[in-house]
Amino acid sequence: MNELRNYIDGAWSASCATEYLEVADPATAETLARVPLSPAAEVDLAAAAAARAFPAWRRTPAGDRVQCLFRLKNLMEEHFEELARTVTRECGKTLEESRGEMRRAIENVEAACGAPLLMQGTHSDDIASGIDETMVRQPVGVAAIIAPFNFPGMIPFWFLPYALACGNTCIVKPSERVPLTMQKACELFERAGLPKGVVNVVNGGKGAVDAILDHPAVRTVSFVGSTAVARHVYGRAAANGKRAQCHGGAKNAVVIMPDADMETTTRIVADSAFGCAGQRCLAASLAVTVGEARRTFTHSIAEAAAARVVGCGLEAGVEMGPVITSGSKARIEALIGRGVEEGARTLVDGRGAAVPGCERGWFVRPTVLEDVPPEGTLAATEVFGPVLGLMHAERIEDAIAFVNRGRYGNMACLFTRSGAAARQFRYEVDTGNVGINVGVAAPVAAFPFSGWKESFFGDLHGQGRDAIEFFTQEKVVVERWPREWSRRF
């Protein structure tokens, strides 16, 4: 059995952990590896290595630092298929979805290569007579990244390349459920020429996370996961004087207007709700039909859900893979049952799924529930599975009001042909990411991955210019050089 190692100070080292977890292929339940739950002492080793590497890496010119990222980008392209297959094996999503994930990871490396321009400061002559003022950006120090299970190849790269380009050193704690992709990425870090200690990877669970949050050498924390854990990470990091950006959960609604192109809308909403088995923070979880849209959309989305091909993500033609664990499967099926108990009606029931050739896999087929009660559990709970609840509103104003009452604010989407309705929606809806005739409003790397309300804790988001600002601190220099001093020489 492959027992995974930590990557600390430029070397692979076996963990001294006393507890290991099995890493399984969700489609087959086959054990792929064993991951250590590293103790706090190994977090300390990684933090110490990153702190030692920081002074030299900080003094490396930004133009030279990004040369490592250019090499990393080329290596990721060279090993693209291998990385994508690893994501599918440990995460369960289809190979095409894994390829899309790795493409977004590479896109962030490319964006971070612009750091020499993006981290420039500002200057003003003569703020007072003979006095000039300059603001420069300098790296913060050791940056920690705590990643989730659903995008093992992409989400670390929302943060890592920007932190490195700005002159910080890093510790990455991948999800203990999906640590294999980051193991392969570490091999590419070495080949890209990153000095030892600049990137360190420590495997582990909650104990490793808390050790990161408490470690005095760690200056910034970047996190993606559930809202409950995001709140914990943000609170503990802030209490220890660290910068923190913590992306949490979601309950994303899509609103369908009567004038929407139903064929296109159905295809896009089905991909949003059931893509990646619904295990993404931008998955459509509720569809709110407005007026006459109810009749046509309800029928078409039920047909699309029933027709979706479910199976092992490595097989050609498969459109949706399994959920991550048997526990996730049980939780999702229980929430479907709870929705039915509260009055929803199943149009397509994905419980008890059996996939030929993958009988041991953790599959929940696409599920569509009609007439979900607005005050019920299903309308407010992040299912994180392939479950779409249908609701109805008479006017767009009612649909917007429903979205804005929710505790989350990650994404909301509108499907319409009306420019006036689109403008009203994007202006009034209280979410950080908005889609118009788009089912997954995922920002490209040049823009921040926004999130409002309980979907985000912090001030600066991942990606883009937000990432540059998060991983640098501003230093203001006020200078006076009287001419008479120069005349002495």
Protein backbone atom coordinates (compact mmCIF):
# COMPACT_ATOMS: atom_id res chain seq x y z
CA MET A 1 0.00 0.00 0.00
CA ASN A 2 1.28 3.44 -0.99
CA GLU A 3 1.77 5.49 2.19
CA LEU A 4 1.96 9.14 1.25
CA ARG A 5 4.75 11.38 2.46
CA ASN A 6 5.04 15.03 3.31
CA TYR A 7 7.15 17.42 1.25
CA ILE A 8 9.17 19.62 3.59
CA ASP A 9 12.24 21.75 2.91
CA GLY A 10 12.68 20.37 -0.60
CA ALA A 11 12.61 16.71 0.43
CA TRP A 12 10.06 13.92 0.78
CA SER A 13 9.76 12.62 4.33
CA ALA A 14 7.74 9.84 5.91
CA SER A 15 5.34 11.08 8.54
CA CYS A 16 5.59 10.09 12.19
CA ALA A 17 1.79 10.03 12.34
CA THR A 18 0.17 7.28 14.36
CA GLU A 19 -3.07 7.46 12.39
CA TYR A 20 -3.62 7.04 8.65
CA LEU A 21 -6.73 7.29 6.47
CA GLU A 22 -7.44 5.35 3.30
CA VAL A 23 -7.72 7.32 0.07
CA ALA A 24 -10.36 5.59 -2.06
CA ASP A 25 -11.60 5.78 -5.63
CA PRO A 26 -15.24 6.89 -5.14
CA ALA A 27 -16.37 5.01 -8.24
CA THR A 28 -15.10 1.61 -7.08
CA ALA A 29 -14.24 2.02 -3.36
CA GLU A 30 -10.77 0.73 -4.28
CA THR A 31 -8.08 1.95 -1.88
CA LEU A 32 -5.52 4.03 -3.75
CA ALA A 33 -3.20 5.06 -0.91
CA ARG A 34 -2.93 5.75 2.79
CA VAL A 35 -2.56 9.35 3.94
CA PRO A 36 -1.02 10.33 7.28
CA LEU A 37 -2.79 12.59 9.73
CA SER A 38 0.40 14.49 10.44
CA PRO A 39 0.89 15.83 13.97
CA ALA A 40 1.56 19.46 14.89
CA ALA A 41 5.30 18.75 15.04
CA GLU A 42 5.38 18.21 11.28
CA VAL A 43 3.48 21.42 10.67
CA ASP A 44 6.16 23.09 12.76
CA LEU A 45 8.89 21.58 10.56
CA ALA A 46 7.17 22.88 7.43
CA ALA A 47 6.63 26.34 8.92
CA ALA A 48 10.25 26.51 10.02
CA ALA A 49 11.44 25.49 6.54
CA ALA A 50 9.20 28.10 4.90
CA ALA A 51 10.41 30.78 7.33
CA ARG A 52 14.06 29.95 6.59
CA ALA A 53 13.44 30.12 2.85
CA PHE A 54 11.54 33.40 3.01
CA PRO A 55 14.40 35.97 3.23
CA ALA A 56 16.20 34.70 0.11
CA TRP A 57 12.98 34.17 -1.87
CA ARG A 58 11.75 37.63 -0.93
CA ARG A 59 14.99 39.15 -2.20
CA THR A 60 14.74 37.27 -5.49
CA PRO A 61 13.56 39.82 -8.10
CA ALA A 62 9.91 39.36 -9.02
CA GLY A 63 10.88 38.87 -12.65
CA ASP A 64 13.06 35.93 -11.63
CA ARG A 65 10.43 34.47 -9.31
CA VAL A 66 7.88 34.27 -12.10
CA GLN A 67 10.36 32.42 -14.31
CA CYS A 68 9.75 29.45 -12.00
CA LEU A 69 6.03 29.87 -12.62
CA PHE A 70 6.55 29.97 -16.38
CA ARG A 71 8.43 26.66 -16.09
CA LEU A 72 5.71 25.27 -13.81
CA LYS A 73 3.05 26.21 -16.35
CA ASN A 74 4.88 24.32 -19.09
CA LEU A 75 5.33 21.28 -16.84
CA MET A 76 1.63 21.29 -15.98
CA GLU A 77 0.82 21.34 -19.70
CA GLU A 78 3.25 18.48 -20.28
CA HIS A 79 1.66 16.38 -17.51
CA PHE A 80 -1.87 17.63 -18.11
CA GLU A 81 -3.51 14.25 -18.78
CA GLU A 82 -1.73 12.56 -15.87
CA LEU A 83 -2.91 15.26 -13.47
CA ALA A 84 -6.47 15.13 -14.80
CA ARG A 85 -6.64 11.34 -14.47
CA THR A 86 -5.37 11.60 -10.90
CA VAL A 87 -8.15 14.07 -10.08
CA THR A 88 -10.74 11.68 -11.51
CA ARG A 89 -9.34 8.66 -9.68
CA GLU A 90 -9.38 10.26 -6.24
CA CYS A 91 -12.28 12.71 -6.63
CA GLY A 92 -14.69 10.80 -8.90
CA LYS A 93 -15.56 13.50 -11.43
CA THR A 94 -15.50 12.80 -15.15
CA LEU A 95 -12.25 13.07 -17.03
CA GLU A 96 -13.59 16.01 -19.01
CA GLU A 97 -14.45 17.81 -15.76
CA SER A 98 -10.97 17.08 -14.40
CA ARG A 99 -9.43 18.50 -17.56
CA GLY A 100 -11.48 21.65 -17.09
CA GLU A 101 -10.28 21.87 -13.49
CA MET A 102 -6.62 21.59 -14.45
CA ARG A 103 -7.10 24.15 -17.22
CA ARG A 104 -8.31 26.64 -14.59
CA ALA A 105 -5.31 25.80 -12.39
CA ILE A 106 -2.93 26.56 -15.26
CA GLU A 107 -4.85 29.75 -16.01
CA ASN A 108 -4.07 30.98 -12.48
CA VAL A 109 -0.38 30.23 -12.87
CA GLU A 110 -0.42 32.31 -16.06
CA ALA A 111 -2.22 35.19 -14.33
CA ALA A 112 0.27 35.17 -11.45
CA CYS A 113 3.10 35.62 -13.93
CA GLY A 114 1.88 39.22 -14.24
CA ALA A 115 2.88 39.93 -10.64
CA PRO A 116 5.82 42.22 -11.56
CA LEU A 117 3.25 44.62 -12.99
CA LEU A 118 0.36 43.93 -10.61
CA MET A 119 2.36 44.44 -7.41
CA GLN A 120 3.79 47.81 -8.42
CA GLY A 121 3.42 50.61 -5.91
CA THR A 122 2.57 54.30 -6.23
CA HIS A 123 4.49 57.55 -5.80
CA SER A 124 3.72 61.25 -5.33
CA ASP A 125 6.27 64.07 -5.53
CA ASP A 126 5.94 67.08 -3.26
CA ILE A 127 3.17 66.03 -0.92
CA ALA A 128 4.60 68.98 0.97
CA SER A 129 7.43 71.24 -0.09
CA GLY A 130 10.44 69.05 -0.79
CA ILE A 131 8.79 65.90 0.61
CA ASP A 132 7.93 62.85 -1.49
CA GLU A 133 5.80 59.84 -0.59
CA THR A 134 5.97 56.32 -1.97
CA MET A 135 3.90 53.18 -1.37
CA VAL A 136 5.59 49.86 -2.10
CA ARG A 137 4.23 46.33 -1.83
CA GLN A 138 6.28 43.72 0.00
CA PRO A 139 5.56 40.03 0.72
CA VAL A 140 3.91 39.08 3.97
CA GLY A 141 5.87 35.95 4.91
CA VAL A 142 4.72 32.34 5.25
CA ALA A 143 1.37 31.68 3.57
CA ALA A 144 -0.76 28.62 4.39
CA ILE A 145 -3.34 27.09 2.02
CA ILE A 146 -5.99 24.69 3.33
CA ALA A 147 -7.71 23.04 0.38
CA PRO A 148 -11.03 21.14 0.01
CA PHE A 149 -11.76 17.77 -1.58
CA ASN A 150 -13.89 18.83 -4.54
CA PHE A 151 -11.20 20.54 -6.65
CA PRO A 152 -7.84 19.08 -5.58
CA GLY A 153 -6.07 20.39 -8.69
CA MET A 154 -7.62 23.83 -9.07
CA ILE A 155 -8.32 25.45 -5.72
CA PRO A 156 -4.74 25.36 -4.34
CA PHE A 157 -3.82 27.35 -7.45
CA TRP A 158 -6.31 30.10 -6.60
CA PHE A 159 -3.68 31.08 -4.04
CA LEU A 160 -0.32 29.34 -4.45
CA PRO A 161 1.08 30.97 -7.63
CA TYR A 162 0.13 34.46 -6.46
CA ALA A 163 1.72 33.93 -3.06
CA LEU A 164 4.94 32.71 -4.69
CA ALA A 165 5.05 35.45 -7.32
CA CYS A 166 4.69 38.09 -4.60
CA GLY A 167 7.67 36.66 -2.70
CA ASN A 168 5.99 34.59 0.00
CA THR A 169 6.78 31.00 0.93
CA CYS A 170 4.01 28.44 1.35
CA ILE A 171 2.57 25.50 3.23
CA VAL A 172 -0.20 23.55 1.49
CA LYS A 173 -2.51 21.25 3.45
CA PRO A 174 -4.52 19.27 0.87
CA SER A 175 -7.75 17.56 1.84
CA GLU A 176 -7.00 14.22 3.42
CA ARG A 177 -9.66 12.74 1.13
CA VAL A 178 -7.83 13.73 -2.08
CA PRO A 179 -4.09 14.20 -1.44
CA LEU A 180 -2.73 12.49 -4.58
CA THR A 181 -3.02 15.39 -7.02
CA MET A 182 -0.91 17.66 -4.84
CA GLN A 183 1.69 14.90 -4.48
CA LYS A 184 2.11 14.94 -8.24
CA ALA A 185 2.15 18.74 -8.30
CA CYS A 186 5.03 18.71 -5.79
CA GLU A 187 7.16 16.76 -8.25
CA LEU A 188 6.58 19.54 -10.77
CA PHE A 189 7.50 22.23 -8.20
CA GLU A 190 10.89 20.59 -7.85
CA ARG A 191 11.43 20.46 -11.60
CA ALA A 192 10.33 24.08 -12.00
CA GLY A 193 13.33 25.15 -9.93
CA LEU A 194 11.63 26.43 -6.80
CA PRO A 195 14.23 26.60 -4.01
CA LYS A 196 13.85 24.19 -1.11
CA GLY A 197 11.47 25.35 1.57
CA VAL A 198 9.58 27.73 -0.72
CA VAL A 199 6.69 25.24 -1.10
CA ASN A 200 5.93 22.62 1.54
CA VAL A 201 3.07 20.11 1.65
CA VAL A 202 1.81 18.60 4.90
CA ASN A 203 -0.93 15.98 4.86
CA GLY A 204 -3.38 15.79 7.72
CA GLY A 205 -6.78 16.54 9.18
CA LYS A 206 -8.18 18.95 11.75
CA GLY A 207 -5.12 18.67 13.98
CA ALA A 208 -2.85 19.86 11.18
CA VAL A 209 -5.26 22.70 10.35
CA ASP A 210 -5.34 23.95 13.93
CA ALA A 211 -1.54 23.71 14.15
CA ILE A 212 -1.32 25.93 11.05
CA LEU A 213 -3.79 28.42 12.52
CA ASP A 214 -1.82 28.63 15.78
CA HIS A 215 1.71 28.67 14.37
CA PRO A 216 3.44 32.04 14.91
CA ALA A 217 5.44 31.82 11.66
CA VAL A 218 2.32 31.54 9.49
CA ARG A 219 1.18 35.01 8.45
CA THR A 220 -1.71 34.33 6.03
CA VAL A 221 -4.32 31.59 5.71
CA SER A 222 -6.35 30.79 2.58
CA PHE A 223 -9.21 28.32 2.96
CA VAL A 224 -12.05 26.82 0.93
CA GLY A 225 -14.66 24.50 2.45
CA SER A 226 -17.95 24.45 4.31
CA THR A 227 -19.25 27.57 6.04
CA ALA A 228 -18.96 26.01 9.48
CA VAL A 229 -15.28 25.25 9.00
CA ALA A 230 -14.64 28.55 7.20
CA ARG A 231 -15.99 30.39 10.23
CA HIS A 232 -13.74 28.35 12.54
CA VAL A 233 -10.65 28.92 10.41
CA TYR A 234 -11.33 32.63 10.03
CA GLY A 235 -12.00 33.16 13.72
CA ARG A 236 -8.97 31.24 14.94
CA ALA A 237 -6.64 32.75 12.33
CA ALA A 238 -7.82 36.28 13.15
CA ALA A 239 -7.47 35.65 16.89
CA ASN A 240 -3.84 34.76 16.21
CA GLY A 241 -3.24 37.94 14.23
CA LYS A 242 -3.18 36.36 10.77
CA ARG A 243 -4.67 37.54 7.52
CA ALA A 244 -7.39 35.16 6.39
CA GLN A 245 -9.53 34.62 3.30
CA CYS A 246 -12.04 31.87 3.92
CA HIS A 247 -14.46 30.76 1.21
CA GLY A 248 -17.46 28.90 2.63
CA GLY A 249 -20.58 27.09 1.46
CA ALA A 250 -23.43 28.06 -0.82
CA LYS A 251 -27.06 27.55 -1.77
CA ASN A 252 -27.13 28.78 -5.33
CA ALA A 253 -30.38 29.64 -7.08
CA VAL A 254 -31.01 29.92 -10.80
CA VAL A 255 -34.03 31.95 -11.90
CA ILE A 256 -35.78 31.05 -15.16
CA MET A 257 -37.90 33.69 -16.86
CA PRO A 258 -40.77 32.79 -19.23
CA ASP A 259 -38.87 34.20 -22.22
CA ALA A 260 -35.78 32.03 -21.67
CA ASP A 261 -34.66 29.67 -24.41
CA MET A 262 -35.81 26.48 -22.65
CA GLU A 263 -33.67 24.03 -24.58
CA THR A 264 -30.46 25.93 -23.89
CA THR A 265 -31.50 26.80 -20.35
CA THR A 266 -32.27 23.19 -19.50
CA ARG A 267 -28.92 21.98 -20.79
CA ILE A 268 -27.00 24.67 -18.90
CA VAL A 269 -28.91 24.23 -15.63
CA ALA A 270 -28.53 20.43 -15.78
CA ASP A 271 -24.77 20.83 -16.23
CA SER A 272 -24.67 23.26 -13.31
CA ALA A 273 -26.76 21.13 -10.94
CA PHE A 274 -25.38 17.69 -11.81
CA GLY A 275 -21.86 18.43 -13.08
CA CYS A 276 -19.17 17.21 -10.68
CA ALA A 277 -22.04 15.31 -8.99
CA GLY A 278 -23.20 18.64 -7.56
CA GLN A 279 -20.06 18.84 -5.42
CA ARG A 280 -18.98 22.38 -6.17
CA CYS A 281 -19.66 25.68 -4.47
CA LEU A 282 -21.11 27.09 -7.70
CA ALA A 283 -23.54 24.24 -8.36
CA ALA A 284 -27.16 25.21 -9.00
CA SER A 285 -29.13 23.85 -6.08
CA LEU A 286 -32.51 25.60 -6.51
CA ALA A 287 -34.31 26.56 -9.71
CA VAL A 288 -36.94 29.27 -9.35
CA THR A 289 -39.33 29.45 -12.28
CA VAL A 290 -41.14 32.71 -12.93
CA GLY A 291 -44.65 32.77 -14.39
CA GLU A 292 -45.20 30.48 -17.37
CA ALA A 293 -41.65 29.12 -17.19
CA ARG A 294 -42.85 26.60 -14.63
CA ARG A 295 -44.72 24.42 -17.07
CA THR A 296 -42.03 24.05 -19.73
CA PHE A 297 -38.91 24.02 -17.54
CA THR A 298 -40.23 21.49 -15.02
CA HIS A 299 -40.82 18.90 -17.72
CA SER A 300 -37.55 19.50 -19.57
CA ILE A 301 -35.26 19.46 -16.51
CA ALA A 302 -36.82 16.22 -15.29
CA GLU A 303 -36.14 14.62 -18.67
CA ALA A 304 -32.54 15.89 -18.65
CA ALA A 305 -31.91 14.54 -15.15
CA ALA A 306 -33.32 11.12 -15.95
CA ALA A 307 -31.26 10.86 -19.14
CA ARG A 308 -27.89 11.81 -17.63
CA VAL A 309 -25.32 9.00 -17.96
CA VAL A 310 -23.80 8.07 -14.58
CA GLY A 311 -20.71 5.94 -14.05
CA CYS A 312 -16.95 5.85 -13.62
CA GLY A 313 -15.48 9.16 -14.71
CA LEU A 314 -12.70 7.51 -16.71
CA GLU A 315 -15.17 5.84 -19.07
CA ALA A 316 -16.14 7.49 -22.35
CA GLY A 317 -19.65 8.88 -22.51
CA VAL A 318 -20.13 9.20 -18.75
CA GLU A 319 -21.63 12.56 -17.80
CA MET A 320 -21.59 12.31 -14.00
CA GLY A 321 -19.50 10.40 -11.50
CA PRO A 322 -20.00 9.39 -7.85
CA VAL A 323 -20.01 11.50 -4.70
CA ILE A 324 -16.87 11.52 -2.61
CA THR A 325 -17.63 9.03 0.20
CA SER A 326 -20.23 6.58 1.44
CA GLY A 327 -20.98 9.08 4.21
CA SER A 328 -21.70 11.79 1.64
CA LYS A 329 -24.04 9.42 -0.22
CA ALA A 330 -25.96 8.65 2.97
CA ARG A 331 -26.19 12.33 3.93
CA ILE A 332 -27.46 13.38 0.48
CA GLU A 333 -30.06 10.63 0.37
CA ALA A 334 -31.21 11.59 3.87
CA LEU A 335 -31.69 15.20 2.78
CA ILE A 336 -33.74 14.06 -0.22
CA GLY A 337 -35.93 12.09 2.17
CA ARG A 338 -36.23 15.09 4.47
CA GLY A 339 -37.37 17.24 1.54
CA VAL A 340 -40.08 14.73 0.66
CA GLU A 341 -41.23 14.59 4.29
CA GLU A 342 -41.57 18.38 4.28
CA GLY A 343 -43.81 18.37 1.20
CA ALA A 344 -41.57 18.27 -1.89
CA ARG A 345 -42.45 15.82 -4.66
CA THR A 346 -39.83 13.70 -6.43
CA LEU A 347 -39.89 14.07 -10.19
CA VAL A 348 -36.63 12.13 -10.53
CA ASP A 349 -35.34 10.14 -7.55
CA GLY A 350 -31.62 9.34 -7.55
CA ARG A 351 -31.50 7.36 -4.32
CA GLY A 352 -30.40 3.74 -4.24
CA ALA A 353 -28.38 4.04 -7.44
CA ALA A 354 -26.70 0.93 -8.82
CA VAL A 355 -24.12 1.37 -11.59
CA PRO A 356 -23.13 -1.78 -13.51
CA GLY A 357 -19.44 -2.48 -13.07
CA CYS A 358 -19.21 -0.04 -10.16
CA GLU A 359 -21.51 -1.74 -7.66
CA ARG A 360 -19.33 -0.70 -4.71
CA GLY A 361 -19.16 2.94 -5.80
CA TRP A 362 -20.82 5.83 -4.00
CA PHE A 363 -23.35 6.97 -6.56
CA VAL A 364 -26.41 9.19 -6.23
CA ARG A 365 -28.17 9.73 -9.55
CA PRO A 366 -29.49 13.18 -10.54
CA THR A 367 -32.52 14.10 -8.45
CA VAL A 368 -35.22 16.69 -9.10
CA LEU A 369 -37.69 17.70 -6.39
CA GLU A 370 -40.71 19.85 -7.22
CA ASP A 371 -42.53 22.30 -4.91
CA VAL A 372 -39.72 22.56 -2.37
CA PRO A 373 -41.13 24.50 0.62
CA PRO A 374 -39.41 27.92 0.85
CA GLU A 375 -39.04 27.58 4.62
CA GLY A 376 -38.03 23.91 4.55
CA THR A 377 -34.70 22.24 5.21
CA LEU A 378 -33.91 21.60 1.55
CA ALA A 379 -34.39 25.25 0.56
CA ALA A 380 -31.76 26.41 3.06
CA THR A 381 -29.27 23.54 3.30
CA GLU A 382 -26.23 23.07 1.08
CA VAL A 383 -26.76 19.52 -0.19
CA PHE A 384 -23.43 19.28 -2.05
CA GLY A 385 -24.80 16.55 -4.26
CA PRO A 386 -26.72 16.14 -7.55
CA VAL A 387 -30.04 17.42 -6.20
CA LEU A 388 -32.04 20.25 -7.77
CA GLY A 389 -35.05 21.69 -5.96
CA LEU A 390 -37.77 23.47 -7.95
CA MET A 391 -39.67 26.48 -6.65
CA HIS A 392 -41.97 29.01 -8.27
CA ALA A 393 -42.45 32.78 -8.21
CA GLU A 394 -44.97 34.96 -10.01
CA ARG A 395 -42.60 37.91 -10.58
CA ILE A 396 -38.86 38.42 -10.89
CA GLU A 397 -39.04 40.67 -7.82
CA ASP A 398 -40.30 37.71 -5.77
CA ALA A 399 -37.49 35.50 -7.05
CA ILE A 400 -34.85 38.11 -6.18
CA ALA A 401 -36.35 38.58 -2.73
CA PHE A 402 -36.15 34.83 -2.12
CA VAL A 403 -32.49 34.71 -3.16
CA ASN A 404 -31.63 37.68 -0.96
CA ARG A 405 -33.28 36.14 2.12
CA GLY A 406 -30.78 33.28 2.10
CA ARG A 407 -27.81 33.12 4.44
CA TYR A 408 -25.38 32.40 1.61
CA GLY A 409 -24.22 34.69 -1.18
CA ASN A 410 -21.97 32.76 -3.52
CA MET A 411 -23.85 32.75 -6.85
CA ALA A 412 -27.18 33.42 -8.49
CA CYS A 413 -28.04 33.10 -12.19
CA LEU A 414 -30.82 34.38 -14.43
CA PHE A 415 -32.01 32.95 -17.74
CA THR A 416 -33.84 35.42 -19.97
CA ARG A 417 -33.88 37.23 -23.31
CA SER A 418 -34.70 40.55 -21.61
CA GLY A 419 -31.89 43.04 -21.07
CA ALA A 420 -34.04 44.96 -18.58
CA ALA A 421 -34.64 41.85 -16.47
CA ALA A 422 -30.95 40.97 -16.63
CA ARG A 423 -29.91 44.42 -15.45
CA GLN A 424 -32.44 44.38 -12.61
CA PHE A 425 -31.24 40.97 -11.50
CA ARG A 426 -27.51 41.66 -11.54
CA TYR A 427 -28.04 45.02 -9.83
CA GLU A 428 -30.33 43.81 -7.03
CA VAL A 429 -29.28 40.25 -6.25
CA ASP A 430 -27.09 39.85 -3.14
CA THR A 431 -24.45 37.38 -4.31
CA GLY A 432 -20.80 37.79 -5.14
CA ASN A 433 -20.92 35.91 -8.46
CA VAL A 434 -23.78 36.50 -10.91
CA GLY A 435 -24.57 34.63 -14.13
CA ILE A 436 -26.79 35.83 -16.96
CA ASN A 437 -27.67 32.87 -19.20
CA VAL A 438 -24.70 31.14 -17.54
CA GLY A 439 -25.14 28.25 -15.10
CA VAL A 440 -21.74 28.30 -13.37
CA ALA A 441 -20.57 31.89 -12.94
CA ALA A 442 -16.95 30.96 -12.25
CA PRO A 443 -14.66 33.98 -12.68
CA VAL A 444 -11.57 33.60 -14.85
CA ALA A 445 -8.22 34.01 -13.10
CA ALA A 446 -7.99 37.74 -13.79
CA PHE A 447 -11.08 38.35 -11.64
CA PRO A 448 -11.59 37.54 -7.93
CA PHE A 449 -13.66 34.53 -6.96
CA SER A 450 -16.19 36.57 -5.06
CA GLY A 451 -18.63 35.53 -2.37
CA TRP A 452 -20.90 37.40 0.03
CA LYS A 453 -22.62 36.82 3.36
CA GLU A 454 -21.87 33.38 4.85
CA SER A 455 -20.17 32.23 1.67
CA PHE A 456 -17.04 34.22 2.50
CA PHE A 457 -15.18 35.45 5.56
CA GLY A 458 -12.53 38.09 4.96
CA ASP A 459 -11.92 41.13 2.77
CA LEU A 460 -9.87 39.96 -0.23
CA HIS A 461 -10.87 36.94 -2.29
CA GLY A 462 -8.86 34.35 -4.19
CA GLN A 463 -7.53 34.99 -7.73
CA GLY A 464 -6.69 38.15 -9.65
CA ARG A 465 -5.75 41.46 -8.15
CA ASP A 466 -7.37 40.50 -4.83
CA ALA A 467 -4.77 37.75 -4.50
CA ILE A 468 -1.92 40.17 -5.18
CA GLU A 469 -3.20 42.54 -2.50
CA PHE A 470 -3.77 39.71 -0.02
CA PHE A 471 -0.25 38.34 -0.39
CA THR A 472 1.48 41.71 -0.12
CA GLN A 473 1.58 44.35 2.58
CA GLU A 474 1.84 48.05 1.87
CA LYS A 475 4.78 50.07 3.11
CA VAL A 476 4.59 53.86 2.88
CA VAL A 477 7.86 55.82 2.78
CA VAL A 478 7.88 59.59 3.37
CA GLU A 479 11.19 61.22 2.35
CA ARG A 480 12.76 64.65 2.67
CA TRP A 481 16.16 65.47 1.16
CA PRO A 482 16.93 69.19 1.73
CA ARG A 483 19.23 70.64 -0.91
CA GLU A 484 21.44 72.33 1.67
CA TRP A 485 22.49 68.90 2.97
CA SER A 486 23.85 68.02 -0.47
CA ARG A 487 25.94 71.23 -0.62
CA ARG A 488 28.12 69.96 2.22
CA PHE A 489 29.71 67.41 -0.07
